[in-house]
Amino acid sequence: MSLYKVPFDFTHEEKVFGGYLSLRQMLYVITSVISVGVLFFHISMIFKVIIFLSFVSIFMTFAFVKIGNTYTDKYFINILKYIFRKKKFIFER
């Protein structure tokens, strides 16, 4: 049985919702809307607004901003992988 390599390119996302939003973007928009639940905690209103606005800004940044050709959420995951990976330290004198 012969195996042939098939070239593929996953640099674009299919816009599923109304032709404007992909599934990934829609999930981030939904989670930012769900973050309204923070307003029901029993803390000061200023802290509620700060927490809510920070969640919304992070999720919207993850959904719509690109750094180079990479979306921000994938870029953030790559940064976390780099920080928490096992590192080799070579000590020389």
PDB file of N, CA and C in Angstrom:
ATOM      1  N   MET A   1       0.840  -1.169   0.000  1.00  0.00           N
ATOM      2  CA  MET A   1       0.000   0.000   0.000  1.00  0.00           C
ATOM      3  C   MET A   1       0.890   1.239   0.000  1.00  0.00           C
ATOM      4  N   SER A   2       0.696   2.110  -0.920  1.00  0.00           N
ATOM      5  CA  SER A   2       1.511   3.317  -1.039  1.00  0.00           C
ATOM      6  C   SER A   2       0.926   4.440  -0.191  1.00  0.00           C
ATOM      7  N   LEU A   3       1.817   5.201   0.424  1.00  0.00           N
ATOM      8  CA  LEU A   3       1.412   6.370   1.205  1.00  0.00           C
ATOM      9  C   LEU A   3       1.946   7.617   0.519  1.00  0.00           C
ATOM     10  N   TYR A   4       1.107   8.584   0.354  1.00  0.00           N
ATOM     11  CA  TYR A   4       1.499   9.833  -0.270  1.00  0.00           C
ATOM     12  C   TYR A   4       1.241  10.979   0.694  1.00  0.00           C
ATOM     13  N   LYS A   5       2.204  11.886   0.756  1.00  0.00           N
ATOM     14  CA  LYS A   5       2.012  13.060   1.598  1.00  0.00           C
ATOM     15  C   LYS A   5       1.091  14.047   0.888  1.00  0.00           C
ATOM     16  N   VAL A   6       0.107  14.514   1.612  1.00  0.00           N
ATOM     17  CA  VAL A   6      -0.840  15.483   1.070  1.00  0.00           C
ATOM     18  C   VAL A   6      -0.569  16.828   1.733  1.00  0.00           C
ATOM     19  N   PRO A   7      -0.279  17.861   0.958  1.00  0.00           N
ATOM     20  CA  PRO A   7      -0.043  19.171   1.572  1.00  0.00           C
ATOM     21  C   PRO A   7      -1.342  19.745   2.135  1.00  0.00           C
ATOM     22  N   PHE A   8      -1.247  20.352   3.281  1.00  0.00           N
ATOM     23  CA  PHE A   8      -2.419  20.981   3.879  1.00  0.00           C
ATOM     24  C   PHE A   8      -2.006  22.279   4.540  1.00  0.00           C
ATOM     25  N   ASP A   9      -2.937  23.167   4.633  1.00  0.00           N
ATOM     26  CA  ASP A   9      -2.685  24.482   5.194  1.00  0.00           C
ATOM     27  C   ASP A   9      -3.839  24.848   6.113  1.00  0.00           C
ATOM     28  N   PHE A  10      -3.535  25.019   7.414  1.00  0.00           N
ATOM     29  CA  PHE A  10      -4.558  25.360   8.390  1.00  0.00           C
ATOM     30  C   PHE A  10      -4.355  26.781   8.912  1.00  0.00           C
ATOM     31  N   THR A  11      -3.975  27.697   8.057  1.00  0.00           N
ATOM     32  CA  THR A  11      -3.755  29.065   8.518  1.00  0.00           C
ATOM     33  C   THR A  11      -5.032  29.885   8.546  1.00  0.00           C
ATOM     34  N   HIS A  12      -6.101  29.405   7.957  1.00  0.00           N
ATOM     35  CA  HIS A  12      -7.352  30.152   7.986  1.00  0.00           C
ATOM     36  C   HIS A  12      -8.404  29.360   8.759  1.00  0.00           C
ATOM     37  N   GLU A  13      -9.401  30.076   9.248  1.00  0.00           N
ATOM     38  CA  GLU A  13     -10.494  29.444   9.977  1.00  0.00           C
ATOM     39  C   GLU A  13     -11.777  29.640   9.189  1.00  0.00           C
ATOM     40  N   GLU A  14     -12.630  28.644   9.218  1.00  0.00           N
ATOM     41  CA  GLU A  14     -13.905  28.742   8.532  1.00  0.00           C
ATOM     42  C   GLU A  14     -14.865  29.566   9.379  1.00  0.00           C
ATOM     43  N   LYS A  15     -15.441  30.582   8.793  1.00  0.00           N
ATOM     44  CA  LYS A  15     -16.371  31.460   9.503  1.00  0.00           C
ATOM     45  C   LYS A  15     -17.743  30.788   9.533  1.00  0.00           C
ATOM     46  N   VAL A  16     -18.135  30.298  10.707  1.00  0.00           N
ATOM     47  CA  VAL A  16     -19.351  29.506  10.847  1.00  0.00           C
ATOM     48  C   VAL A  16     -20.555  30.363  11.219  1.00  0.00           C
ATOM     49  N   PHE A  17     -20.369  31.317  12.104  1.00  0.00           N
ATOM     50  CA  PHE A  17     -21.481  32.090  12.639  1.00  0.00           C
ATOM     51  C   PHE A  17     -21.671  33.377  11.834  1.00  0.00           C
ATOM     52  N   GLY A  18     -22.655  33.354  10.953  1.00  0.00           N
ATOM     53  CA  GLY A  18     -22.999  34.519  10.160  1.00  0.00           C
ATOM     54  C   GLY A  18     -21.957  34.906   9.132  1.00  0.00           C
ATOM     55  N   GLY A  19     -20.971  34.076   8.913  1.00  0.00           N
ATOM     56  CA  GLY A  19     -19.917  34.403   7.976  1.00  0.00           C
ATOM     57  C   GLY A  19     -18.892  35.363   8.532  1.00  0.00           C
ATOM     58  N   TYR A  20     -19.008  35.711   9.812  1.00  0.00           N
ATOM     59  CA  TYR A  20     -18.099  36.677  10.423  1.00  0.00           C
ATOM     60  C   TYR A  20     -17.246  36.083  11.535  1.00  0.00           C
ATOM     61  N   LEU A  21     -17.773  35.117  12.287  1.00  0.00           N
ATOM     62  CA  LEU A  21     -17.066  34.575  13.443  1.00  0.00           C
ATOM     63  C   LEU A  21     -16.814  33.083  13.272  1.00  0.00           C
ATOM     64  N   SER A  22     -15.610  32.656  13.639  1.00  0.00           N
ATOM     65  CA  SER A  22     -15.309  31.230  13.640  1.00  0.00           C
ATOM     66  C   SER A  22     -15.777  30.635  14.971  1.00  0.00           C
ATOM     67  N   LEU A  23     -15.699  29.332  15.078  1.00  0.00           N
ATOM     68  CA  LEU A  23     -16.126  28.658  16.305  1.00  0.00           C
ATOM     69  C   LEU A  23     -15.263  29.087  17.486  1.00  0.00           C
ATOM     70  N   ARG A  24     -13.955  29.208  17.275  1.00  0.00           N
ATOM     71  CA  ARG A  24     -13.044  29.636  18.337  1.00  0.00           C
ATOM     72  C   ARG A  24     -13.400  31.039  18.812  1.00  0.00           C
ATOM     73  N   GLN A  25     -13.641  31.946  17.882  1.00  0.00           N
ATOM     74  CA  GLN A  25     -13.986  33.310  18.252  1.00  0.00           C
ATOM     75  C   GLN A  25     -15.315  33.366  18.994  1.00  0.00           C
ATOM     76  N   MET A  26     -16.269  32.570  18.550  1.00  0.00           N
ATOM     77  CA  MET A  26     -17.586  32.559  19.197  1.00  0.00           C
ATOM     78  C   MET A  26     -17.493  32.034  20.624  1.00  0.00           C
ATOM     79  N   LEU A  27     -16.648  31.033  20.858  1.00  0.00           N
ATOM     80  CA  LEU A  27     -16.472  30.521  22.220  1.00  0.00           C
ATOM     81  C   LEU A  27     -15.884  31.586  23.140  1.00  0.00           C
ATOM     82  N   TYR A  28     -14.938  32.371  22.634  1.00  0.00           N
ATOM     83  CA  TYR A  28     -14.374  33.446  23.457  1.00  0.00           C
ATOM     84  C   TYR A  28     -15.398  34.545  23.722  1.00  0.00           C
ATOM     85  N   VAL A  29     -16.227  34.867  22.748  1.00  0.00           N
ATOM     86  CA  VAL A  29     -17.274  35.873  22.953  1.00  0.00           C
ATOM     87  C   VAL A  29     -18.276  35.385  23.993  1.00  0.00           C
ATOM     88  N   ILE A  30     -18.667  34.109  23.925  1.00  0.00           N
ATOM     89  CA  ILE A  30     -19.615  33.543  24.894  1.00  0.00           C
ATOM     90  C   ILE A  30     -19.017  33.543  26.297  1.00  0.00           C
ATOM     91  N   THR A  31     -17.740  33.162  26.438  1.00  0.00           N
ATOM     92  CA  THR A  31     -17.128  33.166  27.771  1.00  0.00           C
ATOM     93  C   THR A  31     -16.984  34.582  28.321  1.00  0.00           C
ATOM     94  N   SER A  32     -16.779  35.563  27.450  1.00  0.00           N
ATOM     95  CA  SER A  32     -16.719  36.935  27.958  1.00  0.00           C
ATOM     96  C   SER A  32     -18.085  37.409  28.429  1.00  0.00           C
ATOM     97  N   VAL A  33     -19.151  36.967  27.767  1.00  0.00           N
ATOM     98  CA  VAL A  33     -20.503  37.317  28.203  1.00  0.00           C
ATOM     99  C   VAL A  33     -20.841  36.592  29.507  1.00  0.00           C
ATOM    100  N   ILE A  34     -20.402  35.360  29.637  1.00  0.00           N
ATOM    101  CA  ILE A  34     -20.654  34.591  30.862  1.00  0.00           C
ATOM    102  C   ILE A  34     -19.916  35.199  32.053  1.00  0.00           C
ATOM    103  N   SER A  35     -18.841  35.933  31.790  1.00  0.00           N
ATOM    104  CA  SER A  35     -18.096  36.539  32.895  1.00  0.00           C
ATOM    105  C   SER A  35     -18.913  37.610  33.624  1.00  0.00           C
ATOM    106  N   VAL A  36     -20.111  37.911  33.152  1.00  0.00           N
ATOM    107  CA  VAL A  36     -21.012  38.813  33.865  1.00  0.00           C
ATOM    108  C   VAL A  36     -21.351  38.223  35.231  1.00  0.00           C
ATOM    109  N   GLY A  37     -21.248  36.919  35.362  1.00  0.00           N
ATOM    110  CA  GLY A  37     -21.526  36.254  36.632  1.00  0.00           C
ATOM    111  C   GLY A  37     -20.661  36.744  37.764  1.00  0.00           C
ATOM    112  N   VAL A  38     -19.531  37.372  37.447  1.00  0.00           N
ATOM    113  CA  VAL A  38     -18.660  37.935  38.473  1.00  0.00           C
ATOM    114  C   VAL A  38     -19.383  39.048  39.228  1.00  0.00           C
ATOM    115  N   LEU A  39     -20.359  39.668  38.595  1.00  0.00           N
ATOM    116  CA  LEU A  39     -21.071  40.780  39.225  1.00  0.00           C
ATOM    117  C   LEU A  39     -21.989  40.327  40.360  1.00  0.00           C
ATOM    118  N   PHE A  40     -22.200  39.015  40.484  1.00  0.00           N
ATOM    119  CA  PHE A  40     -23.066  38.510  41.545  1.00  0.00           C
ATOM    120  C   PHE A  40     -22.315  38.143  42.826  1.00  0.00           C
ATOM    121  N   PHE A  41     -20.975  38.295  42.832  1.00  0.00           N
ATOM    122  CA  PHE A  41     -20.215  38.038  44.051  1.00  0.00           C
ATOM    123  C   PHE A  41     -20.426  39.177  45.041  1.00  0.00           C
ATOM    124  N   HIS A  42     -20.237  38.885  46.313  1.00  0.00           N
ATOM    125  CA  HIS A  42     -20.448  39.882  47.360  1.00  0.00           C
ATOM    126  C   HIS A  42     -19.138  40.588  47.682  1.00  0.00           C
ATOM    127  N   ILE A  43     -18.693  41.414  46.748  1.00  0.00           N
ATOM    128  CA  ILE A  43     -17.509  42.250  46.965  1.00  0.00           C
ATOM    129  C   ILE A  43     -17.846  43.656  46.477  1.00  0.00           C
ATOM    130  N   SER A  44     -16.905  44.554  46.649  1.00  0.00           N
ATOM    131  CA  SER A  44     -17.121  45.952  46.263  1.00  0.00           C
ATOM    132  C   SER A  44     -17.391  46.062  44.759  1.00  0.00           C
ATOM    133  N   MET A  45     -18.221  47.029  44.407  1.00  0.00           N
ATOM    134  CA  MET A  45     -18.610  47.204  43.003  1.00  0.00           C
ATOM    135  C   MET A  45     -17.419  47.557  42.127  1.00  0.00           C
ATOM    136  N   ILE A  46     -16.463  48.296  42.660  1.00  0.00           N
ATOM    137  CA  ILE A  46     -15.276  48.662  41.877  1.00  0.00           C
ATOM    138  C   ILE A  46     -14.477  47.417  41.520  1.00  0.00           C
ATOM    139  N   PHE A  47     -14.301  46.488  42.475  1.00  0.00           N
ATOM    140  CA  PHE A  47     -13.580  45.251  42.193  1.00  0.00           C
ATOM    141  C   PHE A  47     -14.337  44.393  41.178  1.00  0.00           C
ATOM    142  N   LYS A  48     -15.653  44.377  41.277  1.00  0.00           N
ATOM    143  CA  LYS A  48     -16.466  43.625  40.314  1.00  0.00           C
ATOM    144  C   LYS A  48     -16.251  44.148  38.899  1.00  0.00           C
ATOM    145  N   VAL A  49     -16.289  45.464  38.747  1.00  0.00           N
ATOM    146  CA  VAL A  49     -16.136  46.073  37.423  1.00  0.00           C
ATOM    147  C   VAL A  49     -14.726  45.838  36.890  1.00  0.00           C
ATOM    148  N   ILE A  50     -13.719  45.955  37.741  1.00  0.00           N
ATOM    149  CA  ILE A  50     -12.337  45.728  37.308  1.00  0.00           C
ATOM    150  C   ILE A  50     -12.146  44.286  36.849  1.00  0.00           C
ATOM    151  N   ILE A  51     -12.651  43.340  37.621  1.00  0.00           N
ATOM    152  CA  ILE A  51     -12.523  41.925  37.255  1.00  0.00           C
ATOM    153  C   ILE A  51     -13.289  41.630  35.967  1.00  0.00           C
ATOM    154  N   PHE A  52     -14.508  42.157  35.864  1.00  0.00           N
ATOM    155  CA  PHE A  52     -15.323  41.936  34.666  1.00  0.00           C
ATOM    156  C   PHE A  52     -14.644  42.505  33.427  1.00  0.00           C
ATOM    157  N   LEU A  53     -14.167  43.740  33.503  1.00  0.00           N
ATOM    158  CA  LEU A  53     -13.531  44.361  32.343  1.00  0.00           C
ATOM    159  C   LEU A  53     -12.227  43.663  31.965  1.00  0.00           C
ATOM    160  N   SER A  54     -11.491  43.158  32.965  1.00  0.00           N
ATOM    161  CA  SER A  54     -10.261  42.439  32.634  1.00  0.00           C
ATOM    162  C   SER A  54     -10.572  41.120  31.928  1.00  0.00           C
ATOM    163  N   PHE A  55     -11.602  40.381  32.397  1.00  0.00           N
ATOM    164  CA  PHE A  55     -11.994  39.141  31.708  1.00  0.00           C
ATOM    165  C   PHE A  55     -12.446  39.417  30.279  1.00  0.00           C
ATOM    166  N   VAL A  56     -13.282  40.431  30.114  1.00  0.00           N
ATOM    167  CA  VAL A  56     -13.797  40.755  28.783  1.00  0.00           C
ATOM    168  C   VAL A  56     -12.657  41.166  27.857  1.00  0.00           C
ATOM    169  N   SER A  57     -11.752  41.993  28.343  1.00  0.00           N
ATOM    170  CA  SER A  57     -10.655  42.445  27.479  1.00  0.00           C
ATOM    171  C   SER A  57      -9.720  41.292  27.108  1.00  0.00           C
ATOM    172  N   ILE A  58      -9.439  40.387  28.045  1.00  0.00           N
ATOM    173  CA  ILE A  58      -8.579  39.237  27.743  1.00  0.00           C
ATOM    174  C   ILE A  58      -9.239  38.326  26.726  1.00  0.00           C
ATOM    175  N   PHE A  59     -10.515  37.992  26.928  1.00  0.00           N
ATOM    176  CA  PHE A  59     -11.193  37.081  26.005  1.00  0.00           C
ATOM    177  C   PHE A  59     -11.378  37.710  24.625  1.00  0.00           C
ATOM    178  N   MET A  60     -11.681  38.987  24.557  1.00  0.00           N
ATOM    179  CA  MET A  60     -11.832  39.626  23.254  1.00  0.00           C
ATOM    180  C   MET A  60     -10.490  39.743  22.537  1.00  0.00           C
ATOM    181  N   THR A  61      -9.428  39.953  23.304  1.00  0.00           N
ATOM    182  CA  THR A  61      -8.095  39.958  22.703  1.00  0.00           C
ATOM    183  C   THR A  61      -7.767  38.585  22.144  1.00  0.00           C
ATOM    184  N   PHE A  62      -8.065  37.540  22.904  1.00  0.00           N
ATOM    185  CA  PHE A  62      -7.833  36.179  22.426  1.00  0.00           C
ATOM    186  C   PHE A  62      -8.658  35.884  21.175  1.00  0.00           C
ATOM    187  N   ALA A  63      -9.842  36.440  21.068  1.00  0.00           N
ATOM    188  CA  ALA A  63     -10.726  36.130  19.943  1.00  0.00           C
ATOM    189  C   ALA A  63     -10.322  36.868  18.667  1.00  0.00           C
ATOM    190  N   PHE A  64      -9.931  38.138  18.753  1.00  0.00           N
ATOM    191  CA  PHE A  64      -9.838  38.943  17.542  1.00  0.00           C
ATOM    192  C   PHE A  64      -8.457  39.470  17.180  1.00  0.00           C
ATOM    193  N   VAL A  65      -7.491  39.469  18.079  1.00  0.00           N
ATOM    194  CA  VAL A  65      -6.192  40.078  17.786  1.00  0.00           C
ATOM    195  C   VAL A  65      -5.217  39.018  17.287  1.00  0.00           C
ATOM    196  N   LYS A  66      -4.485  39.367  16.227  1.00  0.00           N
ATOM    197  CA  LYS A  66      -3.442  38.500  15.682  1.00  0.00           C
ATOM    198  C   LYS A  66      -2.086  39.143  15.917  1.00  0.00           C
ATOM    199  N   ILE A  67      -1.110  38.324  16.301  1.00  0.00           N
ATOM    200  CA  ILE A  67       0.271  38.772  16.412  1.00  0.00           C
ATOM    201  C   ILE A  67       1.024  38.068  15.297  1.00  0.00           C
ATOM    202  N   GLY A  68       1.419  38.803  14.287  1.00  0.00           N
ATOM    203  CA  GLY A  68       2.001  38.185  13.098  1.00  0.00           C
ATOM    204  C   GLY A  68       0.902  37.416  12.379  1.00  0.00           C
ATOM    205  N   ASN A  69       1.102  36.115  12.207  1.00  0.00           N
ATOM    206  CA  ASN A  69       0.080  35.261  11.603  1.00  0.00           C
ATOM    207  C   ASN A  69      -0.568  34.349  12.624  1.00  0.00           C
ATOM    208  N   THR A  70      -0.298  34.580  13.912  1.00  0.00           N
ATOM    209  CA  THR A  70      -0.783  33.718  14.975  1.00  0.00           C
ATOM    210  C   THR A  70      -1.793  34.461  15.829  1.00  0.00           C
ATOM    211  N   TYR A  71      -2.911  33.803  16.138  1.00  0.00           N
ATOM    212  CA  TYR A  71      -3.877  34.412  17.039  1.00  0.00           C
ATOM    213  C   TYR A  71      -3.299  34.500  18.443  1.00  0.00           C
ATOM    214  N   THR A  72      -3.802  35.442  19.220  1.00  0.00           N
ATOM    215  CA  THR A  72      -3.231  35.738  20.534  1.00  0.00           C
ATOM    216  C   THR A  72      -3.358  34.570  21.495  1.00  0.00           C
ATOM    217  N   ASP A  73      -4.431  33.789  21.433  1.00  0.00           N
ATOM    218  CA  ASP A  73      -4.575  32.679  22.355  1.00  0.00           C
ATOM    219  C   ASP A  73      -3.520  31.603  22.107  1.00  0.00           C
ATOM    220  N   LYS A  74      -3.232  31.314  20.858  1.00  0.00           N
ATOM    221  CA  LYS A  74      -2.192  30.333  20.543  1.00  0.00           C
ATOM    222  C   LYS A  74      -0.814  30.866  20.927  1.00  0.00           C
ATOM    223  N   TYR A  75      -0.614  32.162  20.738  1.00  0.00           N
ATOM    224  CA  TYR A  75       0.637  32.807  21.130  1.00  0.00           C
ATOM    225  C   TYR A  75       0.825  32.719  22.644  1.00  0.00           C
ATOM    226  N   PHE A  76      -0.237  32.966  23.398  1.00  0.00           N
ATOM    227  CA  PHE A  76      -0.198  32.890  24.855  1.00  0.00           C
ATOM    228  C   PHE A  76       0.091  31.463  25.328  1.00  0.00           C
ATOM    229  N   ILE A  77      -0.519  30.476  24.674  1.00  0.00           N
ATOM    230  CA  ILE A  77      -0.275  29.076  25.029  1.00  0.00           C
ATOM    231  C   ILE A  77       1.173  28.706  24.758  1.00  0.00           C
ATOM    232  N   ASN A  78       1.734  29.185  23.650  1.00  0.00           N
ATOM    233  CA  ASN A  78       3.140  28.915  23.352  1.00  0.00           C
ATOM    234  C   ASN A  78       4.057  29.553  24.396  1.00  0.00           C
ATOM    235  N   ILE A  79       3.724  30.742  24.871  1.00  0.00           N
ATOM    236  CA  ILE A  79       4.515  31.386  25.925  1.00  0.00           C
ATOM    237  C   ILE A  79       4.453  30.560  27.206  1.00  0.00           C
ATOM    238  N   LEU A  80       3.254  30.081  27.581  1.00  0.00           N
ATOM    239  CA  LEU A  80       3.129  29.255  28.784  1.00  0.00           C
ATOM    240  C   LEU A  80       3.897  27.951  28.648  1.00  0.00           C
ATOM    241  N   LYS A  81       3.857  27.330  27.478  1.00  0.00           N
ATOM    242  CA  LYS A  81       4.627  26.106  27.254  1.00  0.00           C
ATOM    243  C   LYS A  81       6.115  26.365  27.417  1.00  0.00           C
ATOM    244  N   TYR A  82       6.585  27.485  26.909  1.00  0.00           N
ATOM    245  CA  TYR A  82       7.996  27.833  27.036  1.00  0.00           C
ATOM    246  C   TYR A  82       8.389  28.058  28.490  1.00  0.00           C
ATOM    247  N   ILE A  83       7.542  28.736  29.238  1.00  0.00           N
ATOM    248  CA  ILE A  83       7.864  29.038  30.633  1.00  0.00           C
ATOM    249  C   ILE A  83       7.894  27.775  31.482  1.00  0.00           C
ATOM    250  N   PHE A  84       6.933  26.868  31.280  1.00  0.00           N
ATOM    251  CA  PHE A  84       6.793  25.712  32.155  1.00  0.00           C
ATOM    252  C   PHE A  84       7.441  24.434  31.633  1.00  0.00           C
ATOM    253  N   ARG A  85       8.141  24.490  30.519  1.00  0.00           N
ATOM    254  CA  ARG A  85       8.787  23.268  30.028  1.00  0.00           C
ATOM    255  C   ARG A  85      10.012  22.944  30.858  1.00  0.00           C
ATOM    256  N   LYS A  86      10.429  21.698  30.770  1.00  0.00           N
ATOM    257  CA  LYS A  86      11.620  21.276  31.490  1.00  0.00           C
ATOM    258  C   LYS A  86      12.826  21.851  30.764  1.00  0.00           C
ATOM    259  N   LYS A  87      13.691  22.498  31.521  1.00  0.00           N
ATOM    260  CA  LYS A  87      14.836  23.165  30.921  1.00  0.00           C
ATOM    261  C   LYS A  87      16.129  22.457  31.326  1.00  0.00           C
ATOM    262  N   LYS A  88      17.089  22.474  30.425  1.00  0.00           N
ATOM    263  CA  LYS A  88      18.409  21.928  30.718  1.00  0.00           C
ATOM    264  C   LYS A  88      19.329  23.090  31.044  1.00  0.00           C
ATOM    265  N   PHE A  89      19.985  22.997  32.188  1.00  0.00           N
ATOM    266  CA  PHE A  89      20.950  24.013  32.572  1.00  0.00           C
ATOM    267  C   PHE A  89      22.333  23.388  32.495  1.00  0.00           C
ATOM    268  N   ILE A  90      23.202  23.985  31.729  1.00  0.00           N
ATOM    269  CA  ILE A  90      24.551  23.487  31.587  1.00  0.00           C
ATOM    270  C   ILE A  90      25.472  24.451  32.298  1.00  0.00           C
ATOM    271  N   PHE A  91      26.138  23.922  33.326  1.00  0.00           N
ATOM    272  CA  PHE A  91      27.055  24.749  34.105  1.00  0.00           C
ATOM    273  C   PHE A  91      28.479  24.446  33.659  1.00  0.00           C
ATOM    274  N   GLU A  92      29.153  25.480  33.182  1.00  0.00           N
ATOM    275  CA  GLU A  92      30.538  25.317  32.751  1.00  0.00           C
ATOM    276  C   GLU A  92      31.400  26.315  33.487  1.00  0.00           C
ATOM    277  N   ARG A  93      32.645  25.899  33.681  1.00  0.00           N
ATOM    278  CA  ARG A  93      33.620  26.808  34.285  1.00  0.00           C
ATOM    279  C   ARG A  93      34.820  26.929  33.411  1.00  0.00           C
TER     280      ARG A  93
END
